[in-house]
N, C-alpha and C. Protein backbone atom coordinates (compact mmCIF):
# COMPACT_ATOMS: atom_id res chain seq x y z
N UNK A 1 0.84 -1.20 0.00
CA UNK A 1 0.00 0.00 0.00
C UNK A 1 0.87 1.25 0.00
N UNK A 2 0.39 2.28 -0.69
CA UNK A 2 1.05 3.57 -0.67
C UNK A 2 0.03 4.63 -0.28
N UNK A 3 0.37 5.42 0.73
CA UNK A 3 -0.51 6.49 1.18
C UNK A 3 0.08 7.83 0.77
N UNK A 4 -0.63 8.52 -0.11
CA UNK A 4 -0.22 9.86 -0.53
C UNK A 4 -0.92 10.85 0.38
N UNK A 5 -0.13 11.65 1.12
CA UNK A 5 -0.72 12.56 2.08
C UNK A 5 0.20 13.71 2.40
N UNK A 6 -0.24 14.53 3.32
CA UNK A 6 0.51 15.69 3.79
C UNK A 6 0.52 15.61 5.30
N UNK A 7 1.65 15.92 5.91
CA UNK A 7 1.82 15.66 7.34
C UNK A 7 0.75 16.34 8.19
N UNK A 8 0.30 17.52 7.81
CA UNK A 8 -0.64 18.28 8.64
C UNK A 8 -2.08 18.18 8.15
N UNK A 9 -2.31 17.44 7.10
CA UNK A 9 -3.67 17.21 6.62
C UNK A 9 -4.40 16.30 7.59
N UNK A 10 -5.54 16.78 8.11
CA UNK A 10 -6.26 15.97 9.09
C UNK A 10 -6.82 14.70 8.46
N UNK A 11 -7.18 14.76 7.18
CA UNK A 11 -7.70 13.57 6.52
C UNK A 11 -6.60 12.54 6.28
N UNK A 12 -5.39 13.00 5.95
CA UNK A 12 -4.25 12.09 5.84
C UNK A 12 -3.93 11.48 7.21
N UNK A 13 -3.99 12.30 8.24
CA UNK A 13 -3.76 11.86 9.61
C UNK A 13 -4.75 10.74 9.97
N UNK A 14 -6.02 10.89 9.58
CA UNK A 14 -7.01 9.85 9.84
C UNK A 14 -6.56 8.50 9.28
N UNK A 15 -6.12 8.53 8.03
CA UNK A 15 -5.74 7.28 7.37
C UNK A 15 -4.49 6.69 8.00
N UNK A 16 -3.53 7.52 8.39
CA UNK A 16 -2.33 6.98 9.04
C UNK A 16 -2.71 6.25 10.32
N UNK A 17 -3.61 6.86 11.11
CA UNK A 17 -4.05 6.23 12.35
C UNK A 17 -4.72 4.89 12.05
N UNK A 18 -5.66 4.89 11.11
CA UNK A 18 -6.42 3.68 10.81
C UNK A 18 -5.51 2.56 10.31
N UNK A 19 -4.59 2.88 9.41
CA UNK A 19 -3.66 1.88 8.91
C UNK A 19 -2.80 1.31 10.03
N UNK A 20 -2.36 2.18 10.93
CA UNK A 20 -1.57 1.72 12.08
C UNK A 20 -2.40 0.83 12.99
N UNK A 21 -3.65 1.23 13.28
CA UNK A 21 -4.50 0.41 14.14
C UNK A 21 -4.74 -0.96 13.53
N UNK A 22 -4.84 -1.01 12.21
CA UNK A 22 -5.07 -2.28 11.52
C UNK A 22 -3.79 -3.12 11.40
N UNK A 23 -2.65 -2.51 11.74
CA UNK A 23 -1.39 -3.22 11.61
C UNK A 23 -0.96 -3.43 10.17
N UNK A 24 -1.36 -2.52 9.28
CA UNK A 24 -1.06 -2.64 7.86
C UNK A 24 0.18 -1.83 7.50
N UNK A 25 1.11 -2.47 6.81
CA UNK A 25 2.31 -1.78 6.35
C UNK A 25 1.96 -0.91 5.14
N UNK A 26 2.52 0.29 5.12
CA UNK A 26 2.27 1.19 3.99
C UNK A 26 3.45 2.12 3.81
N UNK A 27 3.63 2.55 2.58
CA UNK A 27 4.64 3.55 2.26
C UNK A 27 3.97 4.92 2.28
N UNK A 28 4.52 5.83 3.04
CA UNK A 28 3.95 7.17 3.17
C UNK A 28 4.63 8.09 2.16
N UNK A 29 3.88 8.60 1.21
CA UNK A 29 4.45 9.44 0.15
C UNK A 29 3.94 10.87 0.32
N UNK A 30 4.81 11.81 0.69
CA UNK A 30 4.37 13.19 0.91
C UNK A 30 3.93 13.88 -0.38
N UNK A 31 2.82 14.62 -0.26
CA UNK A 31 2.33 15.49 -1.32
C UNK A 31 2.07 16.85 -0.67
N UNK A 32 2.74 17.88 -1.16
CA UNK A 32 2.70 19.19 -0.49
C UNK A 32 1.42 19.95 -0.86
N UNK A 33 0.53 20.09 0.12
CA UNK A 33 -0.70 20.84 -0.11
C UNK A 33 -0.44 22.33 -0.28
N UNK A 34 0.52 22.85 0.44
CA UNK A 34 0.77 24.30 0.43
C UNK A 34 1.23 24.75 -0.95
N UNK A 35 2.04 23.93 -1.62
CA UNK A 35 2.50 24.29 -2.96
C UNK A 35 1.62 23.67 -4.05
N UNK A 36 0.49 23.08 -3.63
CA UNK A 36 -0.53 22.55 -4.55
C UNK A 36 -0.01 21.42 -5.43
N UNK A 37 0.88 20.59 -4.90
CA UNK A 37 1.32 19.42 -5.66
C UNK A 37 0.15 18.48 -5.98
N UNK A 38 -0.87 18.54 -5.12
CA UNK A 38 -2.04 17.69 -5.34
C UNK A 38 -2.87 18.13 -6.55
N UNK A 39 -2.57 19.30 -7.09
CA UNK A 39 -3.29 19.77 -8.28
C UNK A 39 -2.47 19.56 -9.56
N UNK A 40 -1.28 18.98 -9.42
CA UNK A 40 -0.48 18.69 -10.61
C UNK A 40 -1.22 17.70 -11.51
N UNK A 41 -1.00 17.81 -12.80
CA UNK A 41 -1.73 16.97 -13.75
C UNK A 41 -1.48 15.49 -13.49
N UNK A 42 -0.24 15.14 -13.17
CA UNK A 42 0.07 13.74 -12.92
C UNK A 42 -0.72 13.16 -11.76
N UNK A 43 -1.00 14.00 -10.76
CA UNK A 43 -1.76 13.53 -9.59
C UNK A 43 -3.25 13.49 -9.91
N UNK A 44 -3.77 14.52 -10.55
CA UNK A 44 -5.21 14.56 -10.82
C UNK A 44 -5.65 13.55 -11.88
N UNK A 45 -4.72 13.11 -12.71
CA UNK A 45 -5.05 12.02 -13.63
C UNK A 45 -5.37 10.74 -12.86
N UNK A 46 -4.71 10.58 -11.73
CA UNK A 46 -4.95 9.41 -10.89
C UNK A 46 -6.09 9.64 -9.92
N UNK A 47 -6.20 10.86 -9.43
CA UNK A 47 -7.24 11.22 -8.45
C UNK A 47 -7.91 12.50 -8.92
N UNK A 48 -9.01 12.41 -9.66
CA UNK A 48 -9.64 13.61 -10.21
C UNK A 48 -10.07 14.63 -9.17
N UNK A 49 -10.27 14.20 -7.91
CA UNK A 49 -10.63 15.15 -6.86
C UNK A 49 -9.46 16.07 -6.51
N UNK A 50 -8.25 15.63 -6.80
CA UNK A 50 -7.08 16.41 -6.42
C UNK A 50 -6.96 16.58 -4.93
N UNK A 51 -7.44 15.59 -4.19
CA UNK A 51 -7.52 15.69 -2.74
C UNK A 51 -6.57 14.69 -2.07
N UNK A 52 -6.32 14.94 -0.81
CA UNK A 52 -5.56 14.02 0.03
C UNK A 52 -6.45 13.56 1.17
N UNK A 53 -6.23 12.32 1.60
CA UNK A 53 -5.23 11.36 1.13
C UNK A 53 -5.70 10.62 -0.11
N UNK A 54 -4.73 9.94 -0.73
CA UNK A 54 -5.04 8.96 -1.76
C UNK A 54 -4.31 7.68 -1.36
N UNK A 55 -5.01 6.58 -1.40
CA UNK A 55 -4.43 5.29 -1.03
C UNK A 55 -4.34 4.42 -2.27
N UNK A 56 -3.14 4.02 -2.60
CA UNK A 56 -2.92 3.06 -3.68
C UNK A 56 -2.93 1.67 -3.06
N UNK A 57 -3.96 0.90 -3.39
CA UNK A 57 -4.12 -0.41 -2.76
C UNK A 57 -4.87 -1.34 -3.69
N UNK A 58 -4.43 -2.58 -3.75
CA UNK A 58 -5.09 -3.61 -4.56
C UNK A 58 -5.29 -3.16 -6.00
N UNK A 59 -4.27 -2.49 -6.55
CA UNK A 59 -4.30 -2.10 -7.94
C UNK A 59 -5.21 -0.94 -8.26
N UNK A 60 -5.60 -0.18 -7.24
CA UNK A 60 -6.53 0.93 -7.48
C UNK A 60 -6.13 2.13 -6.65
N UNK A 61 -6.32 3.34 -7.21
CA UNK A 61 -6.12 4.58 -6.47
C UNK A 61 -7.45 4.97 -5.83
N UNK A 62 -7.47 5.10 -4.51
CA UNK A 62 -8.71 5.36 -3.78
C UNK A 62 -8.62 6.71 -3.09
N UNK A 63 -9.70 7.51 -3.17
CA UNK A 63 -9.74 8.83 -2.56
C UNK A 63 -10.92 8.93 -1.60
N UNK A 64 -11.00 10.07 -0.91
CA UNK A 64 -12.07 10.41 0.03
C UNK A 64 -11.91 9.63 1.35
N UNK A 65 -11.46 10.34 2.37
CA UNK A 65 -11.01 9.69 3.60
C UNK A 65 -12.07 8.86 4.30
N UNK A 66 -13.32 9.34 4.36
CA UNK A 66 -14.33 8.60 5.09
C UNK A 66 -14.69 7.30 4.35
N UNK A 67 -14.75 7.37 3.03
CA UNK A 67 -14.98 6.16 2.24
C UNK A 67 -13.80 5.20 2.40
N UNK A 68 -12.60 5.75 2.45
CA UNK A 68 -11.42 4.93 2.65
C UNK A 68 -11.44 4.22 4.00
N UNK A 69 -11.85 4.92 5.04
CA UNK A 69 -11.91 4.31 6.37
C UNK A 69 -12.91 3.17 6.40
N UNK A 70 -14.06 3.37 5.77
CA UNK A 70 -15.05 2.31 5.74
C UNK A 70 -14.57 1.14 4.88
N UNK A 71 -13.88 1.42 3.77
CA UNK A 71 -13.32 0.36 2.94
C UNK A 71 -12.29 -0.45 3.71
N UNK A 72 -11.40 0.25 4.43
CA UNK A 72 -10.40 -0.45 5.23
C UNK A 72 -11.05 -1.39 6.23
N UNK A 73 -12.14 -0.92 6.85
CA UNK A 73 -12.78 -1.75 7.86
C UNK A 73 -13.46 -2.97 7.25
N UNK A 74 -13.89 -2.85 6.01
CA UNK A 74 -14.51 -4.00 5.34
C UNK A 74 -13.45 -4.95 4.77
N UNK A 75 -12.37 -4.36 4.23
CA UNK A 75 -11.32 -5.19 3.62
C UNK A 75 -10.43 -5.85 4.67
N UNK A 76 -10.24 -5.16 5.80
CA UNK A 76 -9.37 -5.65 6.88
C UNK A 76 -10.13 -5.50 8.19
N UNK A 77 -11.04 -6.43 8.48
CA UNK A 77 -11.98 -6.23 9.59
C UNK A 77 -11.42 -6.40 10.99
N UNK A 78 -10.17 -6.82 11.12
CA UNK A 78 -9.61 -7.04 12.45
C UNK A 78 -8.34 -6.20 12.61
N UNK A 79 -8.30 -5.38 13.67
CA UNK A 79 -9.37 -5.04 14.61
C UNK A 79 -10.38 -4.09 13.98
N UNK A 80 -11.63 -4.13 14.41
CA UNK A 80 -12.67 -3.33 13.77
C UNK A 80 -12.63 -1.86 14.18
N UNK A 81 -13.00 -0.99 13.25
CA UNK A 81 -13.20 0.42 13.56
C UNK A 81 -14.63 0.70 14.00
N UNK A 82 -15.54 -0.20 13.62
CA UNK A 82 -16.94 -0.07 13.98
C UNK A 82 -17.37 -1.28 14.80
N UNK A 83 -18.10 -1.06 15.89
CA UNK A 83 -18.55 -2.19 16.73
C UNK A 83 -19.63 -3.01 16.04
N UNK A 84 -19.87 -4.20 16.55
CA UNK A 84 -20.88 -5.09 15.98
C UNK A 84 -22.30 -4.63 16.31
N UNK A 85 -22.50 -4.11 17.50
CA UNK A 85 -23.84 -3.70 17.93
C UNK A 85 -24.37 -2.58 17.04
N UNK A 86 -25.60 -2.74 16.57
CA UNK A 86 -26.17 -1.79 15.62
C UNK A 86 -26.22 -0.37 16.16
N UNK A 87 -26.70 -0.20 17.40
CA UNK A 87 -26.82 1.14 17.97
C UNK A 87 -25.46 1.76 18.25
N UNK A 88 -24.51 0.94 18.67
CA UNK A 88 -23.15 1.44 18.90
C UNK A 88 -22.51 1.87 17.59
N UNK A 89 -22.76 1.13 16.51
CA UNK A 89 -22.25 1.51 15.19
C UNK A 89 -22.85 2.86 14.76
N UNK A 90 -24.16 3.02 15.01
CA UNK A 90 -24.80 4.29 14.66
C UNK A 90 -24.15 5.45 15.41
N UNK A 91 -23.96 5.28 16.71
CA UNK A 91 -23.38 6.36 17.52
C UNK A 91 -21.98 6.70 17.04
N UNK A 92 -21.20 5.68 16.72
CA UNK A 92 -19.84 5.91 16.22
C UNK A 92 -19.88 6.73 14.94
N UNK A 93 -20.79 6.37 14.04
CA UNK A 93 -20.91 7.11 12.79
C UNK A 93 -21.48 8.52 13.02
N UNK A 94 -22.46 8.63 13.89
CA UNK A 94 -23.07 9.94 14.15
C UNK A 94 -22.01 10.97 14.52
N UNK A 95 -21.15 10.61 15.45
CA UNK A 95 -20.16 11.57 15.94
C UNK A 95 -18.99 11.74 14.98
N UNK A 96 -18.56 10.65 14.34
CA UNK A 96 -17.46 10.76 13.39
C UNK A 96 -17.86 11.61 12.19
N UNK A 97 -19.06 11.38 11.66
CA UNK A 97 -19.49 12.13 10.48
C UNK A 97 -19.86 13.57 10.82
N UNK A 98 -20.26 13.84 12.06
CA UNK A 98 -20.49 15.23 12.46
C UNK A 98 -19.21 16.03 12.30
N UNK A 99 -18.11 15.47 12.77
CA UNK A 99 -16.82 16.17 12.65
C UNK A 99 -16.38 16.24 11.19
N UNK A 100 -16.49 15.13 10.47
CA UNK A 100 -15.99 15.08 9.10
C UNK A 100 -16.77 15.99 8.16
N UNK A 101 -18.08 16.09 8.36
CA UNK A 101 -18.90 16.86 7.42
C UNK A 101 -19.16 18.29 7.88
N UNK A 102 -19.30 18.50 9.17
CA UNK A 102 -19.68 19.83 9.66
C UNK A 102 -18.48 20.71 10.02
N UNK A 103 -17.34 20.09 10.31
CA UNK A 103 -16.14 20.88 10.62
C UNK A 103 -15.17 20.86 9.44
N UNK A 104 -14.74 19.68 9.06
CA UNK A 104 -13.68 19.61 8.06
C UNK A 104 -14.11 20.21 6.72
N UNK A 105 -15.34 19.93 6.32
CA UNK A 105 -15.77 20.40 4.99
C UNK A 105 -15.71 21.91 4.86
N UNK A 106 -15.97 22.61 5.95
CA UNK A 106 -16.04 24.08 5.88
C UNK A 106 -14.75 24.75 6.35
N UNK A 107 -13.85 23.95 6.92
CA UNK A 107 -12.62 24.53 7.47
C UNK A 107 -11.37 23.97 6.79
N UNK A 108 -11.52 23.30 5.65
CA UNK A 108 -10.32 22.73 5.04
C UNK A 108 -9.55 23.81 4.28
N UNK A 109 -8.35 23.45 3.83
CA UNK A 109 -7.42 24.43 3.28
C UNK A 109 -7.96 25.20 2.08
N UNK A 110 -8.63 24.57 1.11
CA UNK A 110 -9.15 25.36 -0.02
C UNK A 110 -10.14 26.44 0.42
N UNK A 111 -10.97 26.15 1.43
CA UNK A 111 -11.91 27.16 1.94
C UNK A 111 -11.15 28.31 2.59
N UNK A 112 -10.16 27.97 3.41
CA UNK A 112 -9.40 29.02 4.11
C UNK A 112 -8.64 29.89 3.11
N UNK A 113 -8.09 29.26 2.07
CA UNK A 113 -7.39 30.04 1.05
C UNK A 113 -8.36 30.97 0.31
N UNK A 114 -9.57 30.48 0.05
CA UNK A 114 -10.56 31.29 -0.67
C UNK A 114 -11.01 32.48 0.18
N UNK A 115 -11.10 32.28 1.48
CA UNK A 115 -11.45 33.39 2.37
C UNK A 115 -10.40 34.50 2.30
N UNK A 116 -9.13 34.08 2.18
CA UNK A 116 -8.05 35.07 2.14
C UNK A 116 -7.95 35.72 0.76
N UNK A 117 -7.99 34.91 -0.27
CA UNK A 117 -7.85 35.41 -1.64
C UNK A 117 -8.70 34.52 -2.54
N UNK A 118 -9.79 35.02 -3.11
CA UNK A 118 -10.03 36.42 -3.46
C UNK A 118 -10.89 37.23 -2.49
N UNK A 119 -11.42 36.65 -1.42
CA UNK A 119 -12.38 37.39 -0.61
C UNK A 119 -11.74 38.45 0.29
N UNK A 120 -10.44 38.34 0.53
CA UNK A 120 -9.72 39.43 1.19
C UNK A 120 -9.81 39.47 2.70
N UNK A 121 -10.14 38.37 3.35
CA UNK A 121 -10.21 38.38 4.81
C UNK A 121 -8.82 38.31 5.42
N UNK A 122 -8.66 38.93 6.58
CA UNK A 122 -7.39 38.88 7.30
C UNK A 122 -7.23 37.52 7.97
N UNK A 123 -5.99 37.21 8.41
CA UNK A 123 -5.76 35.94 9.09
C UNK A 123 -6.53 35.88 10.40
N UNK A 124 -6.65 37.01 11.11
CA UNK A 124 -7.44 37.03 12.34
C UNK A 124 -8.90 36.69 12.07
N UNK A 125 -9.44 37.22 10.99
CA UNK A 125 -10.83 36.92 10.63
C UNK A 125 -10.99 35.44 10.26
N UNK A 126 -10.01 34.91 9.56
CA UNK A 126 -10.06 33.50 9.18
C UNK A 126 -9.97 32.60 10.41
N UNK A 127 -9.11 32.97 11.35
CA UNK A 127 -9.00 32.19 12.59
C UNK A 127 -10.30 32.22 13.37
N UNK A 128 -10.95 33.37 13.38
CA UNK A 128 -12.25 33.48 14.06
C UNK A 128 -13.28 32.59 13.37
N UNK A 129 -13.30 32.60 12.05
CA UNK A 129 -14.17 31.70 11.27
C UNK A 129 -13.93 30.25 11.69
N UNK A 130 -12.66 29.86 11.72
CA UNK A 130 -12.31 28.47 12.02
C UNK A 130 -12.83 28.06 13.39
N UNK A 131 -12.59 28.91 14.38
CA UNK A 131 -13.03 28.58 15.75
C UNK A 131 -14.55 28.56 15.86
N UNK A 132 -15.24 29.41 15.11
CA UNK A 132 -16.71 29.42 15.14
C UNK A 132 -17.25 28.07 14.72
N UNK A 133 -16.74 27.53 13.61
CA UNK A 133 -17.25 26.27 13.09
C UNK A 133 -16.80 25.08 13.92
N UNK A 134 -15.65 25.21 14.57
CA UNK A 134 -15.25 24.18 15.54
C UNK A 134 -16.28 24.11 16.67
N UNK A 135 -16.58 25.26 17.24
CA UNK A 135 -17.50 25.28 18.38
C UNK A 135 -18.88 24.77 18.00
N UNK A 136 -19.33 25.11 16.81
CA UNK A 136 -20.68 24.73 16.38
C UNK A 136 -20.89 23.21 16.40
N UNK A 137 -19.81 22.45 16.21
CA UNK A 137 -19.94 21.00 16.24
C UNK A 137 -19.31 20.37 17.47
N UNK A 138 -18.16 20.86 17.92
CA UNK A 138 -17.51 20.23 19.07
C UNK A 138 -18.32 20.37 20.35
N UNK A 139 -19.05 21.48 20.50
CA UNK A 139 -19.88 21.65 21.70
C UNK A 139 -20.97 20.57 21.76
N UNK A 140 -21.76 20.33 20.69
CA UNK A 140 -22.74 19.25 20.77
C UNK A 140 -22.13 17.86 20.82
N UNK A 141 -20.96 17.65 20.22
CA UNK A 141 -20.30 16.35 20.35
C UNK A 141 -19.93 16.10 21.81
N UNK A 142 -19.40 17.13 22.45
CA UNK A 142 -19.09 17.01 23.89
C UNK A 142 -20.35 16.69 24.69
N UNK A 143 -21.45 17.36 24.36
CA UNK A 143 -22.70 17.11 25.06
C UNK A 143 -23.19 15.68 24.84
N UNK A 144 -23.04 15.17 23.61
CA UNK A 144 -23.45 13.79 23.33
C UNK A 144 -22.58 12.81 24.12
N UNK A 145 -21.31 13.06 24.22
CA UNK A 145 -20.43 12.18 25.00
C UNK A 145 -20.84 12.18 26.47
N UNK A 146 -21.25 13.34 26.98
CA UNK A 146 -21.71 13.41 28.37
C UNK A 146 -22.99 12.58 28.55
N UNK A 147 -23.90 12.64 27.58
CA UNK A 147 -25.12 11.83 27.65
C UNK A 147 -24.80 10.34 27.67
N UNK A 148 -23.78 9.96 26.90
CA UNK A 148 -23.42 8.54 26.77
C UNK A 148 -22.56 8.05 27.92
N UNK A 149 -22.07 9.00 28.74
CA UNK A 149 -21.17 8.65 29.85
C UNK A 149 -19.98 7.86 29.33
N UNK A 150 -19.36 8.38 28.25
CA UNK A 150 -18.26 7.69 27.60
C UNK A 150 -17.04 7.62 28.51
N UNK A 151 -16.26 6.57 28.35
CA UNK A 151 -15.03 6.40 29.10
C UNK A 151 -13.84 6.89 28.31
N UNK A 152 -12.74 6.15 28.36
CA UNK A 152 -11.54 6.56 27.63
C UNK A 152 -11.75 6.49 26.12
N UNK A 153 -12.68 5.63 25.69
CA UNK A 153 -13.02 5.55 24.28
C UNK A 153 -14.54 5.57 24.16
N UNK A 154 -15.03 5.89 22.97
CA UNK A 154 -16.48 5.99 22.79
C UNK A 154 -17.17 4.66 23.04
N UNK A 155 -16.54 3.58 22.58
CA UNK A 155 -17.16 2.26 22.73
C UNK A 155 -16.11 1.24 23.13
N UNK A 156 -16.31 0.58 24.24
CA UNK A 156 -15.40 -0.49 24.65
C UNK A 156 -14.06 0.03 25.12
N UNK A 157 -13.05 -0.82 24.95
CA UNK A 157 -11.73 -0.50 25.49
C UNK A 157 -10.70 -0.23 24.39
N UNK A 158 -11.17 0.13 23.21
CA UNK A 158 -10.25 0.42 22.10
C UNK A 158 -10.83 1.53 21.24
N UNK A 159 -9.97 2.29 20.55
CA UNK A 159 -10.46 3.36 19.68
C UNK A 159 -11.11 2.79 18.43
N UNK A 160 -12.01 3.60 17.83
CA UNK A 160 -12.69 3.20 16.60
C UNK A 160 -12.78 4.37 15.64
N UNK A 161 -13.76 4.32 14.78
CA UNK A 161 -13.92 5.34 13.75
C UNK A 161 -13.99 6.74 14.33
N UNK A 162 -14.72 6.91 15.43
CA UNK A 162 -14.85 8.24 16.02
C UNK A 162 -13.49 8.79 16.44
N UNK A 163 -12.71 8.00 17.15
CA UNK A 163 -11.42 8.47 17.63
C UNK A 163 -10.46 8.77 16.47
N UNK A 164 -10.54 7.96 15.42
CA UNK A 164 -9.70 8.17 14.24
C UNK A 164 -9.96 9.54 13.61
N UNK A 165 -11.21 9.98 13.65
CA UNK A 165 -11.59 11.28 13.08
C UNK A 165 -11.38 12.41 14.09
N UNK A 166 -11.63 12.13 15.35
CA UNK A 166 -11.56 13.16 16.38
C UNK A 166 -10.15 13.70 16.60
N UNK A 167 -9.19 12.81 16.79
CA UNK A 167 -7.84 13.24 17.20
C UNK A 167 -7.22 14.22 16.20
N UNK A 168 -7.27 13.98 14.89
CA UNK A 168 -6.73 14.98 13.97
C UNK A 168 -7.44 16.32 14.05
N UNK A 169 -8.76 16.31 14.31
CA UNK A 169 -9.47 17.58 14.39
C UNK A 169 -9.08 18.37 15.62
N UNK A 170 -8.82 17.68 16.73
CA UNK A 170 -8.37 18.38 17.93
C UNK A 170 -6.94 18.91 17.76
N UNK A 171 -6.13 18.21 17.00
CA UNK A 171 -4.80 18.74 16.65
C UNK A 171 -4.95 20.07 15.93
N UNK A 172 -5.85 20.11 14.95
CA UNK A 172 -6.10 21.37 14.23
C UNK A 172 -6.70 22.43 15.13
N UNK A 173 -7.59 22.02 16.03
CA UNK A 173 -8.21 22.99 16.94
C UNK A 173 -7.16 23.72 17.75
N UNK A 174 -6.16 23.01 18.22
CA UNK A 174 -5.10 23.66 18.99
C UNK A 174 -4.26 24.58 18.12
N UNK A 175 -4.07 24.23 16.87
CA UNK A 175 -3.31 25.10 15.97
C UNK A 175 -4.01 26.45 15.82
N UNK A 176 -5.33 26.46 15.91
CA UNK A 176 -6.10 27.69 15.76
C UNK A 176 -6.55 28.25 17.11
N UNK A 177 -5.86 27.83 18.18
CA UNK A 177 -6.06 28.38 19.53
C UNK A 177 -7.51 28.25 20.00
N UNK A 178 -8.14 27.12 19.70
CA UNK A 178 -9.49 26.86 20.17
C UNK A 178 -9.43 26.40 21.63
N UNK A 179 -10.29 26.95 22.47
CA UNK A 179 -10.30 26.66 23.90
C UNK A 179 -11.03 25.34 24.15
N UNK A 180 -10.30 24.34 24.60
CA UNK A 180 -10.86 23.02 24.88
C UNK A 180 -11.09 22.78 26.37
N UNK A 181 -11.00 23.84 27.16
CA UNK A 181 -11.12 23.66 28.62
C UNK A 181 -12.51 23.20 29.04
N UNK A 182 -13.52 23.46 28.22
CA UNK A 182 -14.89 23.02 28.55
C UNK A 182 -15.25 21.72 27.83
N UNK A 183 -14.23 20.97 27.42
CA UNK A 183 -14.46 19.73 26.67
C UNK A 183 -13.75 18.55 27.35
N UNK A 184 -14.12 18.22 28.58
CA UNK A 184 -13.38 17.17 29.30
C UNK A 184 -13.51 15.78 28.67
N UNK A 185 -14.65 15.48 28.07
CA UNK A 185 -14.82 14.17 27.45
C UNK A 185 -13.96 14.05 26.20
N UNK A 186 -13.96 15.08 25.38
CA UNK A 186 -13.15 15.08 24.18
C UNK A 186 -11.66 14.95 24.51
N UNK A 187 -11.21 15.73 25.47
CA UNK A 187 -9.78 15.72 25.77
C UNK A 187 -9.36 14.45 26.52
N UNK A 188 -10.26 13.86 27.28
CA UNK A 188 -9.93 12.58 27.93
C UNK A 188 -9.74 11.48 26.89
N UNK A 189 -10.66 11.43 25.93
CA UNK A 189 -10.54 10.44 24.86
C UNK A 189 -9.28 10.69 24.03
N UNK A 190 -9.02 11.95 23.74
CA UNK A 190 -7.81 12.29 22.98
C UNK A 190 -6.56 11.81 23.71
N UNK A 191 -6.48 12.06 25.01
CA UNK A 191 -5.30 11.66 25.77
C UNK A 191 -5.11 10.15 25.76
N UNK A 192 -6.21 9.41 25.89
CA UNK A 192 -6.12 7.94 25.86
C UNK A 192 -5.61 7.46 24.49
N UNK A 193 -6.04 8.13 23.43
CA UNK A 193 -5.59 7.76 22.09
C UNK A 193 -4.11 8.08 21.90
N UNK A 194 -3.71 9.26 22.29
CA UNK A 194 -2.33 9.69 22.06
C UNK A 194 -1.31 8.87 22.83
N UNK A 195 -1.77 8.13 23.83
CA UNK A 195 -0.88 7.24 24.58
C UNK A 195 -0.60 5.94 23.83
N UNK A 196 -1.33 5.70 22.73
CA UNK A 196 -1.18 4.46 21.97
C UNK A 196 -0.16 4.63 20.84
N UNK A 197 0.68 3.63 20.59
CA UNK A 197 1.70 3.73 19.53
C UNK A 197 1.12 4.03 18.15
N UNK A 198 -0.05 3.49 17.85
CA UNK A 198 -0.64 3.73 16.52
C UNK A 198 -0.92 5.21 16.28
N UNK A 199 -1.34 5.90 17.31
CA UNK A 199 -1.61 7.33 17.20
C UNK A 199 -0.31 8.13 17.23
N UNK A 200 0.63 7.71 18.06
CA UNK A 200 1.91 8.41 18.14
C UNK A 200 2.63 8.38 16.79
N UNK A 201 2.68 7.21 16.16
CA UNK A 201 3.37 7.09 14.87
C UNK A 201 2.68 7.92 13.79
N UNK A 202 1.38 8.11 13.92
CA UNK A 202 0.62 8.85 12.91
C UNK A 202 0.67 10.36 13.11
N UNK A 203 1.17 10.82 14.25
CA UNK A 203 1.15 12.25 14.57
C UNK A 203 1.90 13.07 13.51
N UNK A 204 1.38 14.24 13.16
CA UNK A 204 2.05 15.06 12.14
C UNK A 204 3.53 15.31 12.40
N UNK A 205 3.90 15.52 13.65
CA UNK A 205 5.29 15.82 13.97
C UNK A 205 6.22 14.65 13.68
N UNK A 206 5.67 13.46 13.50
CA UNK A 206 6.49 12.27 13.28
C UNK A 206 6.55 11.83 11.82
N UNK A 207 6.07 12.70 10.91
CA UNK A 207 6.08 12.37 9.48
C UNK A 207 7.32 12.95 8.80
N UNK A 208 7.77 12.28 7.73
CA UNK A 208 9.03 12.69 7.11
C UNK A 208 8.97 14.07 6.49
N UNK A 209 7.77 14.56 6.15
CA UNK A 209 7.67 15.89 5.56
C UNK A 209 7.40 16.99 6.59
N UNK A 210 7.42 16.64 7.86
CA UNK A 210 7.20 17.63 8.91
C UNK A 210 8.48 18.35 9.29
N UNK A 211 8.46 19.70 9.34
CA UNK A 211 9.66 20.42 9.79
C UNK A 211 9.95 20.19 11.27
N UNK A 212 8.96 19.65 12.02
CA UNK A 212 9.15 19.40 13.45
C UNK A 212 9.74 18.01 13.71
N UNK A 213 9.89 17.21 12.67
CA UNK A 213 10.37 15.86 12.89
C UNK A 213 11.80 15.87 13.39
N UNK A 214 12.04 15.07 14.43
CA UNK A 214 13.38 14.97 15.00
C UNK A 214 14.25 14.06 14.14
N UNK A 215 15.53 14.41 13.99
CA UNK A 215 16.42 13.56 13.19
C UNK A 215 16.48 12.15 13.76
N UNK A 216 16.49 11.16 12.87
CA UNK A 216 16.56 9.77 13.30
C UNK A 216 18.00 9.36 13.58
């Protein structure tokens, strides 16, 4: 498998976590979002969306992170990202897709770039935009976790689809100085995840294209 991604892309981060949790070996191939390498003709011929991540697997180039996560869980079902219980599976999807569709879709890099140019917003205004949309979804997700009386993970004693999507979004939230002090359930789950090797290896700072990566 080859994973084409960018160290700070939250969707690429999702796939790195999932592949690590599944114990799947993969080659990580950096694609620079900032310099728009993902829009090069050679890349878009393979992935018409021009998006990251892209997973080369089983003779096919696959795009769209949420579809990829569900494909991975079907193709490599052990360990599972989704529980067997129907209602638990629904809850896992409810919270994971809330973050993926209501936060990421409106706060991803192309949107932020469009706000700056051509719309002419300042970086402070863009940061305020980002935090507004974080709060709009993270506050009800926190409330749902309180209703469920969640422990270190949403379901059982291991992370699943929700945690795979949550942790990268909280990484981005801190980059934009979002206040998580009123989110004890979110931060407790995050801390439990970050203590696991699969999450540590997937962290942006540990990727070969990260300027924060420590020399080996």
